[in-house]
């Protein structure tokens, strides 16, 4: 199962997120849940860096996969739009494929 946790500030801004695990909803290369989550995550991080020009801290495990932690997120409006879109996309996937992904939010 993919587990995603978001740290949300008291004024409802996304400060960081962490993703762990694998969906295992299909064979390697055929796992649509993994593919969807990966595309959303990569697009969001690329957008933060290339479009909004912020510099989040990124930790990932490329060898084993299944781990991405993004901290020091920009709290400005443009960054938060990308991050909220990412969160909403993950929640939509969770609604449809709840046995493969869990999204949680924690107030910090």
PDB file of N, CA and C in Angstrom:
ATOM      1  N   UNK A   1       0.839  -1.180   0.000  1.00  0.00           N
ATOM      2  CA  UNK A   1       0.000   0.000   0.000  1.00  0.00           C
ATOM      3  C   UNK A   1       0.886   1.246   0.000  1.00  0.00           C
ATOM      4  N   UNK A   2       0.455   2.254  -0.753  1.00  0.00           N
ATOM      5  CA  UNK A   2       1.121   3.548  -0.738  1.00  0.00           C
ATOM      6  C   UNK A   2       0.527   4.351   0.418  1.00  0.00           C
ATOM      7  N   UNK A   3       1.394   4.921   1.224  1.00  0.00           N
ATOM      8  CA  UNK A   3       0.966   5.782   2.324  1.00  0.00           C
ATOM      9  C   UNK A   3       1.547   7.168   2.091  1.00  0.00           C
ATOM     10  N   UNK A   4       0.663   8.161   2.120  1.00  0.00           N
ATOM     11  CA  UNK A   4       1.090   9.537   1.906  1.00  0.00           C
ATOM     12  C   UNK A   4       0.645  10.352   3.106  1.00  0.00           C
ATOM     13  N   UNK A   5       1.583  11.098   3.669  1.00  0.00           N
ATOM     14  CA  UNK A   5       1.237  11.971   4.790  1.00  0.00           C
ATOM     15  C   UNK A   5       1.631  13.403   4.435  1.00  0.00           C
ATOM     16  N   UNK A   6       0.731  14.310   4.745  1.00  0.00           N
ATOM     17  CA  UNK A   6       0.948  15.740   4.525  1.00  0.00           C
ATOM     18  C   UNK A   6       0.990  16.431   5.870  1.00  0.00           C
ATOM     19  N   UNK A   7       1.947  17.314   6.057  1.00  0.00           N
ATOM     20  CA  UNK A   7       1.982  18.178   7.232  1.00  0.00           C
ATOM     21  C   UNK A   7       1.403  19.519   6.817  1.00  0.00           C
ATOM     22  N   UNK A   8       0.335  19.900   7.510  1.00  0.00           N
ATOM     23  CA  UNK A   8      -0.421  21.099   7.178  1.00  0.00           C
ATOM     24  C   UNK A   8      -0.269  22.115   8.316  1.00  0.00           C
ATOM     25  N   UNK A   9       0.013  23.357   7.981  1.00  0.00           N
ATOM     26  CA  UNK A   9       0.135  24.399   9.001  1.00  0.00           C
ATOM     27  C   UNK A   9      -1.247  24.782   9.533  1.00  0.00           C
ATOM     28  N   UNK A  10      -1.266  25.505  10.619  1.00  0.00           N
ATOM     29  CA  UNK A  10      -2.545  25.920  11.213  1.00  0.00           C
ATOM     30  C   UNK A  10      -3.337  26.838  10.287  1.00  0.00           C
ATOM     31  N   UNK A  11      -2.657  27.489   9.349  1.00  0.00           N
ATOM     32  CA  UNK A  11      -3.383  28.326   8.380  1.00  0.00           C
ATOM     33  C   UNK A  11      -3.592  27.583   7.052  1.00  0.00           C
ATOM     34  N   UNK A  12      -3.592  26.239   7.131  1.00  0.00           N
ATOM     35  CA  UNK A  12      -3.992  25.347   6.032  1.00  0.00           C
ATOM     36  C   UNK A  12      -3.035  25.343   4.835  1.00  0.00           C
ATOM     37  N   UNK A  13      -1.755  25.518   5.088  1.00  0.00           N
ATOM     38  CA  UNK A  13      -0.768  25.438   4.014  1.00  0.00           C
ATOM     39  C   UNK A  13       0.016  24.133   4.150  1.00  0.00           C
ATOM     40  N   UNK A  14       0.354  23.548   3.016  1.00  0.00           N
ATOM     41  CA  UNK A  14       1.099  22.289   3.009  1.00  0.00           C
ATOM     42  C   UNK A  14       2.576  22.612   3.196  1.00  0.00           C
ATOM     43  N   UNK A  15       3.146  22.114   4.297  1.00  0.00           N
ATOM     44  CA  UNK A  15       4.543  22.398   4.635  1.00  0.00           C
ATOM     45  C   UNK A  15       5.486  21.289   4.175  1.00  0.00           C
ATOM     46  N   UNK A  16       4.977  20.052   4.091  1.00  0.00           N
ATOM     47  CA  UNK A  16       5.799  18.917   3.658  1.00  0.00           C
ATOM     48  C   UNK A  16       4.893  17.735   3.355  1.00  0.00           C
ATOM     49  N   UNK A  17       5.462  16.758   2.650  1.00  0.00           N
ATOM     50  CA  UNK A  17       4.741  15.507   2.450  1.00  0.00           C
ATOM     51  C   UNK A  17       5.741  14.365   2.330  1.00  0.00           C
ATOM     52  N   UNK A  18       5.255  13.167   2.629  1.00  0.00           N
ATOM     53  CA  UNK A  18       6.075  11.957   2.531  1.00  0.00           C
ATOM     54  C   UNK A  18       5.235  10.841   1.940  1.00  0.00           C
ATOM     55  N   UNK A  19       5.829  10.093   1.004  1.00  0.00           N
ATOM     56  CA  UNK A  19       5.172   8.948   0.376  1.00  0.00           C
ATOM     57  C   UNK A  19       6.038   7.725   0.603  1.00  0.00           C
ATOM     58  N   UNK A  20       5.408   6.625   1.019  1.00  0.00           N
ATOM     59  CA  UNK A  20       6.133   5.377   1.211  1.00  0.00           C
ATOM     60  C   UNK A  20       5.306   4.218   0.666  1.00  0.00           C
ATOM     61  N   UNK A  21       5.989   3.139   0.321  1.00  0.00           N
ATOM     62  CA  UNK A  21       5.316   1.916  -0.064  1.00  0.00           C
ATOM     63  C   UNK A  21       5.049   1.789  -1.546  1.00  0.00           C
ATOM     64  N   UNK A  22       4.396   0.697  -1.877  1.00  0.00           N
ATOM     65  CA  UNK A  22       4.026   0.372  -3.253  1.00  0.00           C
ATOM     66  C   UNK A  22       2.549  -0.001  -3.279  1.00  0.00           C
ATOM     67  N   UNK A  23       1.880   0.325  -4.366  1.00  0.00           N
ATOM     68  CA  UNK A  23       0.457   0.008  -4.477  1.00  0.00           C
ATOM     69  C   UNK A  23       0.232  -1.495  -4.628  1.00  0.00           C
ATOM     70  N   UNK A  24       1.038  -2.137  -5.439  1.00  0.00           N
ATOM     71  CA  UNK A  24       0.861  -3.562  -5.736  1.00  0.00           C
ATOM     72  C   UNK A  24      -0.543  -3.866  -6.251  1.00  0.00           C
ATOM     73  N   UNK A  25      -1.068  -2.963  -7.087  1.00  0.00           N
ATOM     74  CA  UNK A  25      -2.394  -3.187  -7.658  1.00  0.00           C
ATOM     75  C   UNK A  25      -2.329  -3.923  -8.989  1.00  0.00           C
ATOM     76  N   UNK A  26      -1.120  -4.184  -9.456  1.00  0.00           N
ATOM     77  CA  UNK A  26      -0.934  -4.905 -10.704  1.00  0.00           C
ATOM     78  C   UNK A  26       0.519  -5.299 -10.848  1.00  0.00           C
ATOM     79  N   UNK A  27       0.811  -6.025 -11.910  1.00  0.00           N
ATOM     80  CA  UNK A  27       2.182  -6.441 -12.173  1.00  0.00           C
ATOM     81  C   UNK A  27       3.052  -5.218 -12.432  1.00  0.00           C
ATOM     82  N   UNK A  28       4.362  -5.388 -12.194  1.00  0.00           N
ATOM     83  CA  UNK A  28       5.308  -4.312 -12.468  1.00  0.00           C
ATOM     84  C   UNK A  28       5.125  -3.836 -13.911  1.00  0.00           C
ATOM     85  N   UNK A  29       5.004  -2.540 -14.088  1.00  0.00           N
ATOM     86  CA  UNK A  29       4.770  -1.970 -15.406  1.00  0.00           C
ATOM     87  C   UNK A  29       3.303  -1.897 -15.786  1.00  0.00           C
ATOM     88  N   UNK A  30       2.430  -2.536 -15.002  1.00  0.00           N
ATOM     89  CA  UNK A  30       0.995  -2.540 -15.271  1.00  0.00           C
ATOM     90  C   UNK A  30       0.198  -1.964 -14.100  1.00  0.00           C
ATOM     91  N   UNK A  31       0.884  -1.443 -13.097  1.00  0.00           N
ATOM     92  CA  UNK A  31       0.253  -0.954 -11.872  1.00  0.00           C
ATOM     93  C   UNK A  31      -0.229   0.479 -12.090  1.00  0.00           C
ATOM     94  N   UNK A  32      -1.528   0.639 -12.391  1.00  0.00           N
ATOM     95  CA  UNK A  32      -2.051   1.967 -12.715  1.00  0.00           C
ATOM     96  C   UNK A  32      -2.091   2.896 -11.510  1.00  0.00           C
ATOM     97  N   UNK A  33      -2.258   2.359 -10.313  1.00  0.00           N
ATOM     98  CA  UNK A  33      -2.274   3.203  -9.115  1.00  0.00           C
ATOM     99  C   UNK A  33      -0.879   3.779  -8.886  1.00  0.00           C
ATOM    100  N   UNK A  34       0.122   2.940  -8.970  1.00  0.00           N
ATOM    101  CA  UNK A  34       1.508   3.391  -8.811  1.00  0.00           C
ATOM    102  C   UNK A  34       1.850   4.436  -9.874  1.00  0.00           C
ATOM    103  N   UNK A  35       1.456   4.170 -11.093  1.00  0.00           N
ATOM    104  CA  UNK A  35       1.747   5.096 -12.189  1.00  0.00           C
ATOM    105  C   UNK A  35       1.079   6.450 -11.952  1.00  0.00           C
ATOM    106  N   UNK A  36      -0.168   6.426 -11.552  1.00  0.00           N
ATOM    107  CA  UNK A  36      -0.898   7.680 -11.325  1.00  0.00           C
ATOM    108  C   UNK A  36      -0.271   8.491 -10.189  1.00  0.00           C
ATOM    109  N   UNK A  37       0.036   7.824  -9.093  1.00  0.00           N
ATOM    110  CA  UNK A  37       0.632   8.507  -7.937  1.00  0.00           C
ATOM    111  C   UNK A  37       2.009   9.048  -8.301  1.00  0.00           C
ATOM    112  N   UNK A  38       2.787   8.261  -9.008  1.00  0.00           N
ATOM    113  CA  UNK A  38       4.131   8.693  -9.414  1.00  0.00           C
ATOM    114  C   UNK A  38       4.084   9.912 -10.324  1.00  0.00           C
ATOM    115  N   UNK A  39       3.187   9.899 -11.294  1.00  0.00           N
ATOM    116  CA  UNK A  39       3.061  11.031 -12.210  1.00  0.00           C
ATOM    117  C   UNK A  39       2.663  12.293 -11.447  1.00  0.00           C
ATOM    118  N   UNK A  40       1.711  12.175 -10.543  1.00  0.00           N
ATOM    119  CA  UNK A  40       1.316  13.340  -9.758  1.00  0.00           C
ATOM    120  C   UNK A  40       2.477  13.883  -8.929  1.00  0.00           C
ATOM    121  N   UNK A  41       3.201  13.005  -8.267  1.00  0.00           N
ATOM    122  CA  UNK A  41       4.310  13.432  -7.412  1.00  0.00           C
ATOM    123  C   UNK A  41       5.424  14.086  -8.230  1.00  0.00           C
ATOM    124  N   UNK A  42       5.823  13.444  -9.312  1.00  0.00           N
ATOM    125  CA  UNK A  42       6.906  13.983 -10.137  1.00  0.00           C
ATOM    126  C   UNK A  42       6.504  15.309 -10.772  1.00  0.00           C
ATOM    127  N   UNK A  43       5.280  15.395 -11.267  1.00  0.00           N
ATOM    128  CA  UNK A  43       4.798  16.635 -11.868  1.00  0.00           C
ATOM    129  C   UNK A  43       4.764  17.770 -10.848  1.00  0.00           C
ATOM    130  N   UNK A  44       4.356  17.450  -9.637  1.00  0.00           N
ATOM    131  CA  UNK A  44       4.293  18.472  -8.591  1.00  0.00           C
ATOM    132  C   UNK A  44       5.684  18.977  -8.229  1.00  0.00           C
ATOM    133  N   UNK A  45       6.605  18.071  -7.999  1.00  0.00           N
ATOM    134  CA  UNK A  45       7.968  18.485  -7.641  1.00  0.00           C
ATOM    135  C   UNK A  45       8.608  19.254  -8.803  1.00  0.00           C
ATOM    136  N   UNK A  46       8.428  18.769 -10.023  1.00  0.00           N
ATOM    137  CA  UNK A  46       8.968  19.496 -11.184  1.00  0.00           C
ATOM    138  C   UNK A  46       8.346  20.881 -11.301  1.00  0.00           C
ATOM    139  N   UNK A  47       7.048  20.980 -11.078  1.00  0.00           N
ATOM    140  CA  UNK A  47       6.375  22.277 -11.128  1.00  0.00           C
ATOM    141  C   UNK A  47       6.890  23.236 -10.073  1.00  0.00           C
ATOM    142  N   UNK A  48       7.103  22.721  -8.872  1.00  0.00           N
ATOM    143  CA  UNK A  48       7.649  23.565  -7.813  1.00  0.00           C
ATOM    144  C   UNK A  48       9.027  24.104  -8.201  1.00  0.00           C
ATOM    145  N   UNK A  49       9.858  23.243  -8.755  1.00  0.00           N
ATOM    146  CA  UNK A  49      11.226  23.642  -9.101  1.00  0.00           C
ATOM    147  C   UNK A  49      11.294  24.464 -10.384  1.00  0.00           C
ATOM    148  N   UNK A  50      10.590  24.041 -11.421  1.00  0.00           N
ATOM    149  CA  UNK A  50      10.756  24.646 -12.743  1.00  0.00           C
ATOM    150  C   UNK A  50       9.800  25.776 -13.059  1.00  0.00           C
ATOM    151  N   UNK A  51       8.612  25.739 -12.476  1.00  0.00           N
ATOM    152  CA  UNK A  51       7.604  26.760 -12.787  1.00  0.00           C
ATOM    153  C   UNK A  51       7.576  27.837 -11.709  1.00  0.00           C
ATOM    154  N   UNK A  52       7.519  27.413 -10.464  1.00  0.00           N
ATOM    155  CA  UNK A  52       7.415  28.355  -9.344  1.00  0.00           C
ATOM    156  C   UNK A  52       8.799  28.798  -8.869  1.00  0.00           C
ATOM    157  N   UNK A  53       9.825  28.046  -9.238  1.00  0.00           N
ATOM    158  CA  UNK A  53      11.224  28.345  -8.879  1.00  0.00           C
ATOM    159  C   UNK A  53      11.470  28.304  -7.380  1.00  0.00           C
ATOM    160  N   UNK A  54      10.846  27.338  -6.714  1.00  0.00           N
ATOM    161  CA  UNK A  54      11.152  27.109  -5.305  1.00  0.00           C
ATOM    162  C   UNK A  54      12.155  25.967  -5.220  1.00  0.00           C
ATOM    163  N   UNK A  55      12.735  25.790  -4.058  1.00  0.00           N
ATOM    164  CA  UNK A  55      13.771  24.776  -3.889  1.00  0.00           C
ATOM    165  C   UNK A  55      13.459  23.902  -2.680  1.00  0.00           C
ATOM    166  N   UNK A  56      12.515  22.971  -2.829  1.00  0.00           N
ATOM    167  CA  UNK A  56      12.208  22.083  -1.702  1.00  0.00           C
ATOM    168  C   UNK A  56      13.358  21.108  -1.455  1.00  0.00           C
ATOM    169  N   UNK A  57      13.445  20.629  -0.230  1.00  0.00           N
ATOM    170  CA  UNK A  57      14.405  19.574   0.102  1.00  0.00           C
ATOM    171  C   UNK A  57      13.751  18.243  -0.247  1.00  0.00           C
ATOM    172  N   UNK A  58      14.477  17.413  -0.983  1.00  0.00           N
ATOM    173  CA  UNK A  58      13.921  16.154  -1.472  1.00  0.00           C
ATOM    174  C   UNK A  58      14.805  14.994  -1.031  1.00  0.00           C
ATOM    175  N   UNK A  59      14.161  13.996  -0.416  1.00  0.00           N
ATOM    176  CA  UNK A  59      14.829  12.737  -0.090  1.00  0.00           C
ATOM    177  C   UNK A  59      14.054  11.645  -0.809  1.00  0.00           C
ATOM    178  N   UNK A  60      14.781  10.765  -1.489  1.00  0.00           N
ATOM    179  CA  UNK A  60      14.116   9.669  -2.190  1.00  0.00           C
ATOM    180  C   UNK A  60      15.035   8.470  -2.209  1.00  0.00           C
ATOM    181  N   UNK A  61      14.438   7.324  -2.415  1.00  0.00           N
ATOM    182  CA  UNK A  61      15.196   6.092  -2.533  1.00  0.00           C
ATOM    183  C   UNK A  61      14.939   5.555  -3.933  1.00  0.00           C
ATOM    184  N   UNK A  62      15.850   5.839  -4.834  1.00  0.00           N
ATOM    185  CA  UNK A  62      15.683   5.406  -6.218  1.00  0.00           C
ATOM    186  C   UNK A  62      16.015   3.931  -6.406  1.00  0.00           C
ATOM    187  N   UNK A  63      16.890   3.387  -5.565  1.00  0.00           N
ATOM    188  CA  UNK A  63      17.277   1.985  -5.722  1.00  0.00           C
ATOM    189  C   UNK A  63      16.123   1.041  -5.426  1.00  0.00           C
ATOM    190  N   UNK A  64      15.471   1.256  -4.295  1.00  0.00           N
ATOM    191  CA  UNK A  64      14.370   0.384  -3.901  1.00  0.00           C
ATOM    192  C   UNK A  64      13.015   0.988  -4.250  1.00  0.00           C
ATOM    193  N   UNK A  65      12.970   2.288  -4.502  1.00  0.00           N
ATOM    194  CA  UNK A  65      11.714   2.969  -4.793  1.00  0.00           C
ATOM    195  C   UNK A  65      10.820   2.981  -3.578  1.00  0.00           C
ATOM    196  N   UNK A  66       9.665   3.528  -3.736  1.00  0.00           N
ATOM    197  CA  UNK A  66       8.703   3.511  -2.652  1.00  0.00           C
ATOM    198  C   UNK A  66       8.964   4.500  -1.536  1.00  0.00           C
ATOM    199  N   UNK A  67       9.839   5.511  -1.766  1.00  0.00           N
ATOM    200  CA  UNK A  67      10.081   6.507  -0.732  1.00  0.00           C
ATOM    201  C   UNK A  67      10.364   7.863  -1.368  1.00  0.00           C
ATOM    202  N   UNK A  68       9.586   8.856  -0.968  1.00  0.00           N
ATOM    203  CA  UNK A  68       9.798  10.235  -1.387  1.00  0.00           C
ATOM    204  C   UNK A  68       9.380  11.124  -0.234  1.00  0.00           C
ATOM    205  N   UNK A  69      10.288  11.983   0.199  1.00  0.00           N
ATOM    206  CA  UNK A  69       9.968  12.958   1.246  1.00  0.00           C
ATOM    207  C   UNK A  69      10.367  14.332   0.727  1.00  0.00           C
ATOM    208  N   UNK A  70       9.412  15.272   0.788  1.00  0.00           N
ATOM    209  CA  UNK A  70       9.648  16.622   0.298  1.00  0.00           C
ATOM    210  C   UNK A  70       9.323  17.586   1.435  1.00  0.00           C
ATOM    211  N   UNK A  71      10.352  18.316   1.857  1.00  0.00           N
ATOM    212  CA  UNK A  71      10.206  19.250   2.977  1.00  0.00           C
ATOM    213  C   UNK A  71      10.647  20.646   2.539  1.00  0.00           C
ATOM    214  N   UNK A  72      10.546  21.582   3.454  1.00  0.00           N
ATOM    215  CA  UNK A  72      10.913  22.982   3.196  1.00  0.00           C
ATOM    216  C   UNK A  72      10.134  23.528   1.997  1.00  0.00           C
ATOM    217  N   UNK A  73       8.850  23.199   1.983  1.00  0.00           N
ATOM    218  CA  UNK A  73       8.011  23.656   0.881  1.00  0.00           C
ATOM    219  C   UNK A  73       7.705  25.138   1.022  1.00  0.00           C
ATOM    220  N   UNK A  74       7.644  25.775  -0.108  1.00  0.00           N
ATOM    221  CA  UNK A  74       7.338  27.194  -0.200  1.00  0.00           C
ATOM    222  C   UNK A  74       5.870  27.406   0.203  1.00  0.00           C
ATOM    223  N   UNK A  75       5.623  28.351   1.068  1.00  0.00           N
ATOM    224  CA  UNK A  75       4.256  28.607   1.522  1.00  0.00           C
ATOM    225  C   UNK A  75       3.562  29.695   0.707  1.00  0.00           C
ATOM    226  N   UNK A  76       4.226  30.178  -0.336  1.00  0.00           N
ATOM    227  CA  UNK A  76       3.612  31.195  -1.194  1.00  0.00           C
ATOM    228  C   UNK A  76       2.435  30.604  -1.983  1.00  0.00           C
ATOM    229  N   UNK A  77       1.581  31.487  -2.439  1.00  0.00           N
ATOM    230  CA  UNK A  77       0.342  31.112  -3.113  1.00  0.00           C
ATOM    231  C   UNK A  77       0.564  30.163  -4.303  1.00  0.00           C
ATOM    232  N   UNK A  78       1.474  30.486  -5.202  1.00  0.00           N
ATOM    233  CA  UNK A  78       1.679  29.661  -6.400  1.00  0.00           C
ATOM    234  C   UNK A  78       2.096  28.236  -6.041  1.00  0.00           C
ATOM    235  N   UNK A  79       2.998  28.100  -5.081  1.00  0.00           N
ATOM    236  CA  UNK A  79       3.426  26.762  -4.650  1.00  0.00           C
ATOM    237  C   UNK A  79       2.269  26.005  -4.030  1.00  0.00           C
ATOM    238  N   UNK A  80       1.480  26.683  -3.232  1.00  0.00           N
ATOM    239  CA  UNK A  80       0.367  26.034  -2.555  1.00  0.00           C
ATOM    240  C   UNK A  80      -0.707  25.578  -3.539  1.00  0.00           C
ATOM    241  N   UNK A  81      -0.892  26.289  -4.623  1.00  0.00           N
ATOM    242  CA  UNK A  81      -1.841  25.846  -5.657  1.00  0.00           C
ATOM    243  C   UNK A  81      -1.395  24.503  -6.219  1.00  0.00           C
ATOM    244  N   UNK A  82      -0.118  24.377  -6.549  1.00  0.00           N
ATOM    245  CA  UNK A  82       0.395  23.094  -7.060  1.00  0.00           C
ATOM    246  C   UNK A  82       0.229  21.993  -6.018  1.00  0.00           C
ATOM    247  N   UNK A  83       0.559  22.295  -4.774  1.00  0.00           N
ATOM    248  CA  UNK A  83       0.499  21.289  -3.712  1.00  0.00           C
ATOM    249  C   UNK A  83      -0.935  20.869  -3.406  1.00  0.00           C
ATOM    250  N   UNK A  84      -1.861  21.809  -3.404  1.00  0.00           N
ATOM    251  CA  UNK A  84      -3.265  21.462  -3.168  1.00  0.00           C
ATOM    252  C   UNK A  84      -3.829  20.637  -4.325  1.00  0.00           C
ATOM    253  N   UNK A  85      -3.399  20.936  -5.539  1.00  0.00           N
ATOM    254  CA  UNK A  85      -3.812  20.144  -6.695  1.00  0.00           C
ATOM    255  C   UNK A  85      -3.288  18.717  -6.571  1.00  0.00           C
ATOM    256  N   UNK A  86      -2.038  18.574  -6.131  1.00  0.00           N
ATOM    257  CA  UNK A  86      -1.437  17.265  -5.877  1.00  0.00           C
ATOM    258  C   UNK A  86      -2.239  16.505  -4.828  1.00  0.00           C
ATOM    259  N   UNK A  87      -2.522  17.150  -3.712  1.00  0.00           N
ATOM    260  CA  UNK A  87      -3.303  16.523  -2.640  1.00  0.00           C
ATOM    261  C   UNK A  87      -4.675  16.092  -3.147  1.00  0.00           C
ATOM    262  N   UNK A  88      -5.355  16.952  -3.869  1.00  0.00           N
ATOM    263  CA  UNK A  88      -6.684  16.611  -4.389  1.00  0.00           C
ATOM    264  C   UNK A  88      -6.624  15.444  -5.364  1.00  0.00           C
ATOM    265  N   UNK A  89      -5.591  15.388  -6.196  1.00  0.00           N
ATOM    266  CA  UNK A  89      -5.425  14.257  -7.108  1.00  0.00           C
ATOM    267  C   UNK A  89      -5.242  12.952  -6.358  1.00  0.00           C
ATOM    268  N   UNK A  90      -4.415  12.985  -5.298  1.00  0.00           N
ATOM    269  CA  UNK A  90      -4.213  11.784  -4.487  1.00  0.00           C
ATOM    270  C   UNK A  90      -5.500  11.360  -3.784  1.00  0.00           C
ATOM    271  N   UNK A  91      -6.266  12.331  -3.292  1.00  0.00           N
ATOM    272  CA  UNK A  91      -7.536  12.002  -2.632  1.00  0.00           C
ATOM    273  C   UNK A  91      -8.518  11.374  -3.619  1.00  0.00           C
ATOM    274  N   UNK A  92      -8.510  11.841  -4.868  1.00  0.00           N
ATOM    275  CA  UNK A  92      -9.363  11.240  -5.895  1.00  0.00           C
ATOM    276  C   UNK A  92      -8.951   9.788  -6.159  1.00  0.00           C
ATOM    277  N   UNK A  93      -7.647   9.540  -6.229  1.00  0.00           N
ATOM    278  CA  UNK A  93      -7.170   8.169  -6.425  1.00  0.00           C
ATOM    279  C   UNK A  93      -7.561   7.305  -5.226  1.00  0.00           C
ATOM    280  N   UNK A  94      -7.421   7.847  -4.024  1.00  0.00           N
ATOM    281  CA  UNK A  94      -7.795   7.108  -2.818  1.00  0.00           C
ATOM    282  C   UNK A  94      -9.286   6.763  -2.822  1.00  0.00           C
ATOM    283  N   UNK A  95     -10.120   7.682  -3.277  1.00  0.00           N
ATOM    284  CA  UNK A  95     -11.564   7.408  -3.336  1.00  0.00           C
ATOM    285  C   UNK A  95     -11.864   6.198  -4.221  1.00  0.00           C
ATOM    286  N   UNK A  96     -11.157   6.073  -5.313  1.00  0.00           N
ATOM    287  CA  UNK A  96     -11.419   4.995  -6.278  1.00  0.00           C
ATOM    288  C   UNK A  96     -10.673   3.705  -5.937  1.00  0.00           C
ATOM    289  N   UNK A  97      -9.457   3.851  -5.398  1.00  0.00           N
ATOM    290  CA  UNK A  97      -8.586   2.696  -5.154  1.00  0.00           C
ATOM    291  C   UNK A  97      -8.135   2.661  -3.692  1.00  0.00           C
ATOM    292  N   UNK A  98      -9.081   2.760  -2.784  1.00  0.00           N
ATOM    293  CA  UNK A  98      -8.772   2.886  -1.353  1.00  0.00           C
ATOM    294  C   UNK A  98      -8.005   1.701  -0.773  1.00  0.00           C
ATOM    295  N   UNK A  99      -8.029   0.569  -1.425  1.00  0.00           N
ATOM    296  CA  UNK A  99      -7.290  -0.583  -0.904  1.00  0.00           C
ATOM    297  C   UNK A  99      -5.797  -0.511  -1.237  1.00  0.00           C
ATOM    298  N   UNK A 100      -5.397   0.476  -2.053  1.00  0.00           N
ATOM    299  CA  UNK A 100      -3.999   0.577  -2.480  1.00  0.00           C
ATOM    300  C   UNK A 100      -3.289   1.855  -2.030  1.00  0.00           C
ATOM    301  N   UNK A 101      -4.036   2.837  -1.519  1.00  0.00           N
ATOM    302  CA  UNK A 101      -3.423   4.105  -1.127  1.00  0.00           C
ATOM    303  C   UNK A 101      -4.164   4.704   0.065  1.00  0.00           C
ATOM    304  N   UNK A 102      -3.400   5.261   1.002  1.00  0.00           N
ATOM    305  CA  UNK A 102      -3.952   5.965   2.160  1.00  0.00           C
ATOM    306  C   UNK A 102      -3.297   7.333   2.231  1.00  0.00           C
ATOM    307  N   UNK A 103      -4.119   8.372   2.300  1.00  0.00           N
ATOM    308  CA  UNK A 103      -3.631   9.744   2.408  1.00  0.00           C
ATOM    309  C   UNK A 103      -4.085  10.277   3.758  1.00  0.00           C
ATOM    310  N   UNK A 104      -3.129  10.822   4.519  1.00  0.00           N
ATOM    311  CA  UNK A 104      -3.450  11.409   5.812  1.00  0.00           C
ATOM    312  C   UNK A 104      -2.853  12.791   5.898  1.00  0.00           C
ATOM    313  N   UNK A 105      -3.537  13.643   6.656  1.00  0.00           N
ATOM    314  CA  UNK A 105      -3.078  15.003   6.884  1.00  0.00           C
ATOM    315  C   UNK A 105      -2.905  15.236   8.373  1.00  0.00           C
ATOM    316  N   UNK A 106      -1.801  15.885   8.712  1.00  0.00           N
ATOM    317  CA  UNK A 106      -1.485  16.165  10.104  1.00  0.00           C
ATOM    318  C   UNK A 106      -1.251  17.664  10.263  1.00  0.00           C
ATOM    319  N   UNK A 107      -1.905  18.234  11.253  1.00  0.00           N
ATOM    320  CA  UNK A 107      -1.696  19.656  11.525  1.00  0.00           C
ATOM    321  C   UNK A 107      -0.427  19.822  12.350  1.00  0.00           C
ATOM    322  N   UNK A 108       0.389  20.762  11.931  1.00  0.00           N
ATOM    323  CA  UNK A 108       1.636  21.024  12.669  1.00  0.00           C
ATOM    324  C   UNK A 108       1.627  22.416  13.268  1.00  0.00           C
TER     325      UNK A 108
END
